[in-house]
Amino acid sequence: MSAIDDYFQTITPDQAAELERIRALVKAAAPDVEELIEYGIPAFKYKGKYMIGFAIYKKHISLFPSSEPIEVFEDDLTNFTVSKGTIQFSLQNKIPTSLLKKIISHRIKSIDAITKGAK
């Protein structure tokens, strides 16, 4: 059982299902991604670099993809509360799968660009 699985034991089944949806998209896009708890939240590292994280809060769910994807997909995020590195959403107003795939893909490309040639 991973640290993320342990985290899922502390939230409701509906919340866990939503985070599992995101987790599955991340793992489909980057199968060798590393799962961990970083800064107290479930997160993923790709090629040793922070990729994306998520967490459940009392009144919302947060996705932490870093600031760049939020700027790039700003027009697609108008139905959500965003800040520099966070997208807030709810079980009633989920981030669409197509947008999550774009955000995840963007993070992979960004990390690939900075790790290109690194050993």
Protein backbone atom coordinates (compact mmCIF):
# COMPACT_ATOMS: atom_id res chain seq x y z
CA MET A 1 0.00 0.00 0.00
CA SER A 2 1.40 3.40 -0.99
CA ALA A 3 1.35 6.64 0.99
CA ILE A 4 -1.45 7.84 -1.29
CA ASP A 5 -3.48 4.72 -0.50
CA ASP A 6 -3.02 5.51 3.18
CA TYR A 7 -4.31 9.05 2.55
CA PHE A 8 -7.38 7.65 0.78
CA GLN A 9 -8.27 5.81 4.01
CA THR A 10 -8.77 9.18 5.74
CA ILE A 11 -11.35 10.62 3.29
CA THR A 12 -14.85 9.70 2.13
CA PRO A 13 -15.37 7.12 -0.62
CA ASP A 14 -16.64 9.84 -3.01
CA GLN A 15 -13.58 11.98 -2.35
CA ALA A 16 -11.28 8.98 -2.77
CA ALA A 17 -12.98 8.11 -6.08
CA GLU A 18 -12.34 11.60 -7.41
CA LEU A 19 -8.68 11.56 -6.37
CA GLU A 20 -8.36 8.06 -7.83
CA ARG A 21 -9.67 9.41 -11.15
CA ILE A 22 -6.86 12.00 -11.16
CA ARG A 23 -4.30 9.44 -10.00
CA ALA A 24 -5.28 7.09 -12.84
CA LEU A 25 -4.86 9.87 -15.41
CA VAL A 26 -1.43 10.73 -14.02
CA LYS A 27 -0.30 7.10 -14.04
CA ALA A 28 -1.67 6.52 -17.55
CA ALA A 29 0.34 9.49 -18.83
CA ALA A 30 3.49 8.70 -16.84
CA PRO A 31 3.50 5.03 -15.73
CA ASP A 32 6.79 5.30 -13.81
CA VAL A 33 5.68 8.30 -11.79
CA GLU A 34 6.65 8.18 -8.09
CA GLU A 35 3.85 8.49 -5.52
CA LEU A 36 4.63 10.21 -2.24
CA ILE A 37 3.36 12.52 0.45
CA GLU A 38 5.06 15.90 0.08
CA TYR A 39 4.28 18.91 2.25
CA GLY A 40 1.54 16.80 3.84
CA ILE A 41 -0.35 16.10 0.61
CA PRO A 42 -0.41 13.26 -1.92
CA ALA A 43 1.86 14.12 -4.82
CA PHE A 44 3.62 12.67 -7.82
CA LYS A 45 7.20 13.07 -9.00
CA TYR A 46 8.22 12.49 -12.58
CA LYS A 47 11.90 12.06 -13.41
CA GLY A 48 12.65 13.15 -9.84
CA LYS A 49 10.77 16.45 -10.22
CA TYR A 50 7.50 17.49 -8.59
CA MET A 51 4.72 16.95 -11.11
CA ILE A 52 1.34 17.42 -9.45
CA GLY A 53 -0.39 17.01 -6.10
CA PHE A 54 -3.89 17.01 -4.70
CA ALA A 55 -5.68 17.22 -1.37
CA ILE A 56 -9.09 17.21 0.23
CA TYR A 57 -10.15 20.16 2.37
CA LYS A 58 -13.33 20.82 4.31
CA LYS A 59 -15.09 22.77 1.54
CA HIS A 60 -13.13 21.91 -1.62
CA ILE A 61 -10.57 19.74 -3.34
CA SER A 62 -7.31 21.28 -4.50
CA LEU A 63 -5.12 20.31 -7.41
CA PHE A 64 -1.54 21.60 -7.27
CA PRO A 65 -0.04 21.45 -10.79
CA SER A 66 2.35 24.41 -10.26
CA SER A 67 1.70 27.88 -11.63
CA GLU A 68 2.61 27.45 -15.30
CA PRO A 69 -0.30 25.17 -16.34
CA ILE A 70 -2.72 27.48 -14.54
CA GLU A 71 -1.46 30.38 -16.65
CA VAL A 72 -1.49 28.31 -19.86
CA PHE A 73 -5.03 26.98 -19.33
CA GLU A 74 -6.43 30.10 -17.66
CA ASP A 75 -9.32 30.38 -20.14
CA ASP A 76 -10.35 26.77 -19.42
CA LEU A 77 -10.33 27.33 -15.65
CA THR A 78 -12.89 30.13 -15.38
CA ASN A 79 -15.37 27.85 -13.54
CA PHE A 80 -12.87 27.19 -10.75
CA THR A 81 -11.13 29.18 -8.04
CA VAL A 82 -7.46 29.44 -8.93
CA SER A 83 -4.41 30.94 -7.30
CA LYS A 84 -0.76 30.92 -8.28
CA GLY A 85 -0.29 27.15 -8.08
CA THR A 86 -3.71 25.81 -7.08
CA ILE A 87 -7.01 24.91 -8.71
CA GLN A 88 -9.92 24.49 -6.29
CA PHE A 89 -12.92 22.41 -7.30
CA SER A 90 -15.64 20.25 -5.75
CA LEU A 91 -17.30 16.90 -6.26
CA GLN A 92 -20.22 18.81 -7.79
CA ASN A 93 -17.95 20.85 -10.11
CA LYS A 94 -15.11 18.54 -11.12
CA ILE A 95 -12.27 19.44 -13.46
CA PRO A 96 -13.17 17.77 -16.77
CA THR A 97 -11.07 14.76 -17.71
CA SER A 98 -10.01 16.38 -20.99
CA LEU A 99 -8.65 19.41 -19.11
CA LEU A 100 -6.90 17.24 -16.53
CA LYS A 101 -5.19 15.36 -19.36
CA LYS A 102 -3.99 18.66 -20.86
CA ILE A 103 -2.64 19.85 -17.49
CA ILE A 104 -0.87 16.53 -16.84
CA SER A 105 0.58 16.46 -20.36
CA HIS A 106 1.81 20.02 -19.94
CA ARG A 107 3.58 19.10 -16.69
CA ILE A 108 5.24 16.10 -18.36
CA LYS A 109 6.46 18.24 -21.27
CA SER A 110 7.75 20.90 -18.87
CA ILE A 111 9.67 18.35 -16.81
CA ASP A 112 10.99 16.63 -19.95
CA ALA A 113 12.28 20.00 -21.16
CA ILE A 114 14.19 20.71 -17.95
CA THR A 115 15.53 17.16 -17.55
CA LYS A 116 16.53 16.67 -21.18
CA GLY A 117 20.06 15.39 -21.21
CA ALA A 118 20.21 15.21 -17.40
CA LYS A 119 21.42 11.92 -15.99
